Amino acid sequence: FAPHCTTVMGKLLFKQGRLLTISPRYEFYIIFVNFLTIIFVRLQYYVYILIIF
């Protein structure tokens, strides 16, 4: 559920980036934000596992 959610969010952000400008810096920013969200979701997932065990 979580990884799928992040990919959908990344695609939406990417489309917004395409609409605004096609500058490499902005695309890099979008990729960076998507990467951070994935890390954050993974961390939440590990925290949930720790809470369960």
PDB file of N, CA and C in Angstrom:
ATOM      1  N   PHE A   1       0.839  -1.208   0.000  1.00  0.00           N
ATOM      2  CA  PHE A   1       0.000   0.000   0.000  1.00  0.00           C
ATOM      3  C   PHE A   1       0.874   1.258   0.000  1.00  0.00           C
ATOM      4  N   ALA A   2       1.853   1.296   0.913  1.00  0.00           N
ATOM      5  CA  ALA A   2       2.683   2.496   1.071  1.00  0.00           C
ATOM      6  C   ALA A   2       3.543   2.805  -0.171  1.00  0.00           C
ATOM      7  N   PRO A   3       4.292   1.823  -0.705  1.00  0.00           N
ATOM      8  CA  PRO A   3       5.112   2.128  -1.892  1.00  0.00           C
ATOM      9  C   PRO A   3       4.270   2.583  -3.086  1.00  0.00           C
ATOM     10  N   HIS A   4       3.106   1.970  -3.275  1.00  0.00           N
ATOM     11  CA  HIS A   4       2.211   2.345  -4.372  1.00  0.00           C
ATOM     12  C   HIS A   4       1.762   3.798  -4.204  1.00  0.00           C
ATOM     13  N   CYS A   5       1.464   4.164  -2.960  1.00  0.00           N
ATOM     14  CA  CYS A   5       1.014   5.527  -2.649  1.00  0.00           C
ATOM     15  C   CYS A   5       2.112   6.536  -3.012  1.00  0.00           C
ATOM     16  N   THR A   6       3.360   6.213  -2.666  1.00  0.00           N
ATOM     17  CA  THR A   6       4.469   7.127  -2.944  1.00  0.00           C
ATOM     18  C   THR A   6       4.707   7.265  -4.445  1.00  0.00           C
ATOM     19  N   THR A   7       4.579   6.168  -5.195  1.00  0.00           N
ATOM     20  CA  THR A   7       4.798   6.237  -6.646  1.00  0.00           C
ATOM     21  C   THR A   7       3.718   7.090  -7.307  1.00  0.00           C
ATOM     22  N   VAL A   8       2.478   6.941  -6.853  1.00  0.00           N
ATOM     23  CA  VAL A   8       1.377   7.756  -7.382  1.00  0.00           C
ATOM     24  C   VAL A   8       1.636   9.227  -7.087  1.00  0.00           C
ATOM     25  N   MET A   9       2.081   9.523  -5.858  1.00  0.00           N
ATOM     26  CA  MET A   9       2.396  10.892  -5.464  1.00  0.00           C
ATOM     27  C   MET A   9       3.539  11.444  -6.316  1.00  0.00           C
ATOM     28  N   GLY A  10       4.549  10.609  -6.550  1.00  0.00           N
ATOM     29  CA  GLY A  10       5.679  11.006  -7.376  1.00  0.00           C
ATOM     30  C   GLY A  10       5.266  11.327  -8.801  1.00  0.00           C
ATOM     31  N   LYS A  11       4.373  10.510  -9.352  1.00  0.00           N
ATOM     32  CA  LYS A  11       3.875  10.732 -10.710  1.00  0.00           C
ATOM     33  C   LYS A  11       3.090  12.036 -10.799  1.00  0.00           C
ATOM     34  N   LEU A  12       2.267  12.310  -9.766  1.00  0.00           N
ATOM     35  CA  LEU A  12       1.497  13.554  -9.728  1.00  0.00           C
ATOM     36  C   LEU A  12       2.437  14.760  -9.658  1.00  0.00           C
ATOM     37  N   LEU A  13       3.465  14.669  -8.804  1.00  0.00           N
ATOM     38  CA  LEU A  13       4.447  15.741  -8.688  1.00  0.00           C
ATOM     39  C   LEU A  13       5.191  15.936 -10.002  1.00  0.00           C
ATOM     40  N   PHE A  14       5.527  14.830 -10.665  1.00  0.00           N
ATOM     41  CA  PHE A  14       6.245  14.883 -11.933  1.00  0.00           C
ATOM     42  C   PHE A  14       5.406  15.570 -13.007  1.00  0.00           C
ATOM     43  N   LYS A  15       4.099  15.238 -13.044  1.00  0.00           N
ATOM     44  CA  LYS A  15       3.179  15.866 -14.006  1.00  0.00           C
ATOM     45  C   LYS A  15       3.069  17.364 -13.744  1.00  0.00           C
ATOM     46  N   GLN A  16       2.984  17.747 -12.480  1.00  0.00           N
ATOM     47  CA  GLN A  16       2.944  19.160 -12.111  1.00  0.00           C
ATOM     48  C   GLN A  16       4.224  19.861 -12.576  1.00  0.00           C
ATOM     49  N   GLY A  17       5.351  19.191 -12.399  1.00  0.00           N
ATOM     50  CA  GLY A  17       6.636  19.736 -12.834  1.00  0.00           C
ATOM     51  C   GLY A  17       6.675  19.938 -14.340  1.00  0.00           C
ATOM     52  N   ARG A  18       6.129  18.981 -15.087  1.00  0.00           N
ATOM     53  CA  ARG A  18       6.075  19.059 -16.546  1.00  0.00           C
ATOM     54  C   ARG A  18       5.213  20.243 -16.996  1.00  0.00           C
ATOM     55  N   LEU A  19       4.120  20.457 -16.250  1.00  0.00           N
ATOM     56  CA  LEU A  19       3.211  21.553 -16.593  1.00  0.00           C
ATOM     57  C   LEU A  19       3.874  22.914 -16.326  1.00  0.00           C
ATOM     58  N   LEU A  20       4.555  23.035 -15.190  1.00  0.00           N
ATOM     59  CA  LEU A  20       5.167  24.313 -14.823  1.00  0.00           C
ATOM     60  C   LEU A  20       6.367  24.625 -15.715  1.00  0.00           C
ATOM     61  N   THR A  21       7.449  23.915 -15.521  1.00  0.00           N
ATOM     62  CA  THR A  21       8.653  24.127 -16.335  1.00  0.00           C
ATOM     63  C   THR A  21       9.376  22.804 -16.524  1.00  0.00           C
ATOM     64  N   ILE A  22      10.164  22.713 -17.567  1.00  0.00           N
ATOM     65  CA  ILE A  22      10.947  21.500 -17.819  1.00  0.00           C
ATOM     66  C   ILE A  22      12.411  21.827 -17.520  1.00  0.00           C
ATOM     67  N   SER A  23      12.640  22.433 -16.349  1.00  0.00           N
ATOM     68  CA  SER A  23      14.001  22.753 -15.928  1.00  0.00           C
ATOM     69  C   SER A  23      14.598  21.560 -15.178  1.00  0.00           C
ATOM     70  N   PRO A  24      15.846  21.219 -15.440  1.00  0.00           N
ATOM     71  CA  PRO A  24      16.474  20.059 -14.791  1.00  0.00           C
ATOM     72  C   PRO A  24      16.494  20.185 -13.264  1.00  0.00           C
ATOM     73  N   ARG A  25      16.690  21.407 -12.780  1.00  0.00           N
ATOM     74  CA  ARG A  25      16.763  21.603 -11.332  1.00  0.00           C
ATOM     75  C   ARG A  25      15.435  21.239 -10.675  1.00  0.00           C
ATOM     76  N   TYR A  26      14.330  21.644 -11.304  1.00  0.00           N
ATOM     77  CA  TYR A  26      13.004  21.366 -10.748  1.00  0.00           C
ATOM     78  C   TYR A  26      12.713  19.869 -10.773  1.00  0.00           C
ATOM     79  N   GLU A  27      13.082  19.200 -11.845  1.00  0.00           N
ATOM     80  CA  GLU A  27      12.892  17.736 -11.943  1.00  0.00           C
ATOM     81  C   GLU A  27      13.726  17.023 -10.888  1.00  0.00           C
ATOM     82  N   PHE A  28      14.946  17.512 -10.668  1.00  0.00           N
ATOM     83  CA  PHE A  28      15.810  16.935  -9.632  1.00  0.00           C
ATOM     84  C   PHE A  28      15.163  17.108  -8.259  1.00  0.00           C
ATOM     85  N   TYR A  29      14.563  18.284  -8.026  1.00  0.00           N
ATOM     86  CA  TYR A  29      13.867  18.567  -6.762  1.00  0.00           C
ATOM     87  C   TYR A  29      12.701  17.605  -6.560  1.00  0.00           C
ATOM     88  N   ILE A  30      11.945  17.343  -7.624  1.00  0.00           N
ATOM     89  CA  ILE A  30      10.808  16.419  -7.560  1.00  0.00           C
ATOM     90  C   ILE A  30      11.287  15.005  -7.209  1.00  0.00           C
ATOM     91  N   ILE A  31      12.360  14.566  -7.877  1.00  0.00           N
ATOM     92  CA  ILE A  31      12.921  13.232  -7.617  1.00  0.00           C
ATOM     93  C   ILE A  31      13.407  13.148  -6.168  1.00  0.00           C
ATOM     94  N   PHE A  32      14.056  14.229  -5.705  1.00  0.00           N
ATOM     95  CA  PHE A  32      14.581  14.282  -4.342  1.00  0.00           C
ATOM     96  C   PHE A  32      13.455  14.186  -3.316  1.00  0.00           C
ATOM     97  N   VAL A  33      12.367  14.937  -3.543  1.00  0.00           N
ATOM     98  CA  VAL A  33      11.209  14.912  -2.640  1.00  0.00           C
ATOM     99  C   VAL A  33      10.579  13.520  -2.625  1.00  0.00           C
ATOM    100  N   ASN A  34      10.445  12.921  -3.807  1.00  0.00           N
ATOM    101  CA  ASN A  34       9.877  11.572  -3.908  1.00  0.00           C
ATOM    102  C   ASN A  34      10.745  10.570  -3.145  1.00  0.00           C
ATOM    103  N   PHE A  35      12.072  10.718  -3.265  1.00  0.00           N
ATOM    104  CA  PHE A  35      13.026   9.864  -2.559  1.00  0.00           C
ATOM    105  C   PHE A  35      12.870  10.002  -1.047  1.00  0.00           C
ATOM    106  N   LEU A  36      12.719  11.250  -0.581  1.00  0.00           N
ATOM    107  CA  LEU A  36      12.532  11.506   0.849  1.00  0.00           C
ATOM    108  C   LEU A  36      11.234  10.893   1.364  1.00  0.00           C
ATOM    109  N   THR A  37      10.158  11.005   0.576  1.00  0.00           N
ATOM    110  CA  THR A  37       8.871  10.434   0.997  1.00  0.00           C
ATOM    111  C   THR A  37       8.971   8.919   1.110  1.00  0.00           C
ATOM    112  N   ILE A  38       9.678   8.288   0.168  1.00  0.00           N
ATOM    113  CA  ILE A  38       9.859   6.831   0.215  1.00  0.00           C
ATOM    114  C   ILE A  38      10.625   6.437   1.478  1.00  0.00           C
ATOM    115  N   ILE A  39      11.708   7.171   1.792  1.00  0.00           N
ATOM    116  CA  ILE A  39      12.495   6.888   2.996  1.00  0.00           C
ATOM    117  C   ILE A  39      11.619   7.046   4.239  1.00  0.00           C
ATOM    118  N   PHE A  40      10.813   8.130   4.271  1.00  0.00           N
ATOM    119  CA  PHE A  40       9.940   8.398   5.408  1.00  0.00           C
ATOM    120  C   PHE A  40       8.936   7.270   5.608  1.00  0.00           C
ATOM    121  N   VAL A  41       8.349   6.788   4.512  1.00  0.00           N
ATOM    122  CA  VAL A  41       7.373   5.683   4.578  1.00  0.00           C
ATOM    123  C   VAL A  41       8.044   4.405   5.071  1.00  0.00           C
ATOM    124  N   ARG A  42       9.259   4.149   4.569  1.00  0.00           N
ATOM    125  CA  ARG A  42      10.001   2.956   5.015  1.00  0.00           C
ATOM    126  C   ARG A  42      10.288   3.035   6.513  1.00  0.00           C
ATOM    127  N   LEU A  43      10.693   4.224   6.980  1.00  0.00           N
ATOM    128  CA  LEU A  43      10.985   4.411   8.399  1.00  0.00           C
ATOM    129  C   LEU A  43       9.730   4.172   9.241  1.00  0.00           C
ATOM    130  N   GLN A  44       8.598   4.699   8.799  1.00  0.00           N
ATOM    131  CA  GLN A  44       7.337   4.463   9.502  1.00  0.00           C
ATOM    132  C   GLN A  44       7.049   2.961   9.569  1.00  0.00           C
ATOM    133  N   TYR A  45       7.281   2.270   8.447  1.00  0.00           N
ATOM    134  CA  TYR A  45       7.049   0.833   8.365  1.00  0.00           C
ATOM    135  C   TYR A  45       7.907   0.090   9.393  1.00  0.00           C
ATOM    136  N   TYR A  46       9.197   0.464   9.488  1.00  0.00           N
ATOM    137  CA  TYR A  46      10.088  -0.183  10.451  1.00  0.00           C
ATOM    138  C   TYR A  46       9.673   0.138  11.885  1.00  0.00           C
ATOM    139  N   VAL A  47       9.231   1.358  12.124  1.00  0.00           N
ATOM    140  CA  VAL A  47       8.770   1.751  13.462  1.00  0.00           C
ATOM    141  C   VAL A  47       7.548   0.922  13.859  1.00  0.00           C
ATOM    142  N   TYR A  48       6.623   0.722  12.906  1.00  0.00           N
ATOM    143  CA  TYR A  48       5.449  -0.112  13.184  1.00  0.00           C
ATOM    144  C   TYR A  48       5.864  -1.540  13.540  1.00  0.00           C
ATOM    145  N   ILE A  49       6.841  -2.080  12.814  1.00  0.00           N
ATOM    146  CA  ILE A  49       7.339  -3.434  13.101  1.00  0.00           C
ATOM    147  C   ILE A  49       7.929  -3.489  14.517  1.00  0.00           C
ATOM    148  N   LEU A  50       8.709  -2.453  14.871  1.00  0.00           N
ATOM    149  CA  LEU A  50       9.310  -2.398  16.204  1.00  0.00           C
ATOM    150  C   LEU A  50       8.239  -2.329  17.292  1.00  0.00           C
ATOM    151  N   ILE A  51       7.182  -1.567  17.039  1.00  0.00           N
ATOM    152  CA  ILE A  51       6.083  -1.452  18.007  1.00  0.00           C
ATOM    153  C   ILE A  51       5.379  -2.808  18.172  1.00  0.00           C
ATOM    154  N   ILE A  52       5.181  -3.522  17.056  1.00  0.00           N
ATOM    155  CA  ILE A  52       4.517  -4.825  17.096  1.00  0.00           C
ATOM    156  C   ILE A  52       5.360  -5.836  17.885  1.00  0.00           C
ATOM    157  N   PHE A  53       6.673  -5.856  17.616  1.00  0.00           N
ATOM    158  CA  PHE A  53       7.564  -6.783  18.319  1.00  0.00           C
ATOM    159  C   PHE A  53       8.110  -6.117  19.577  1.00  0.00           C
TER     160      PHE A  53
END
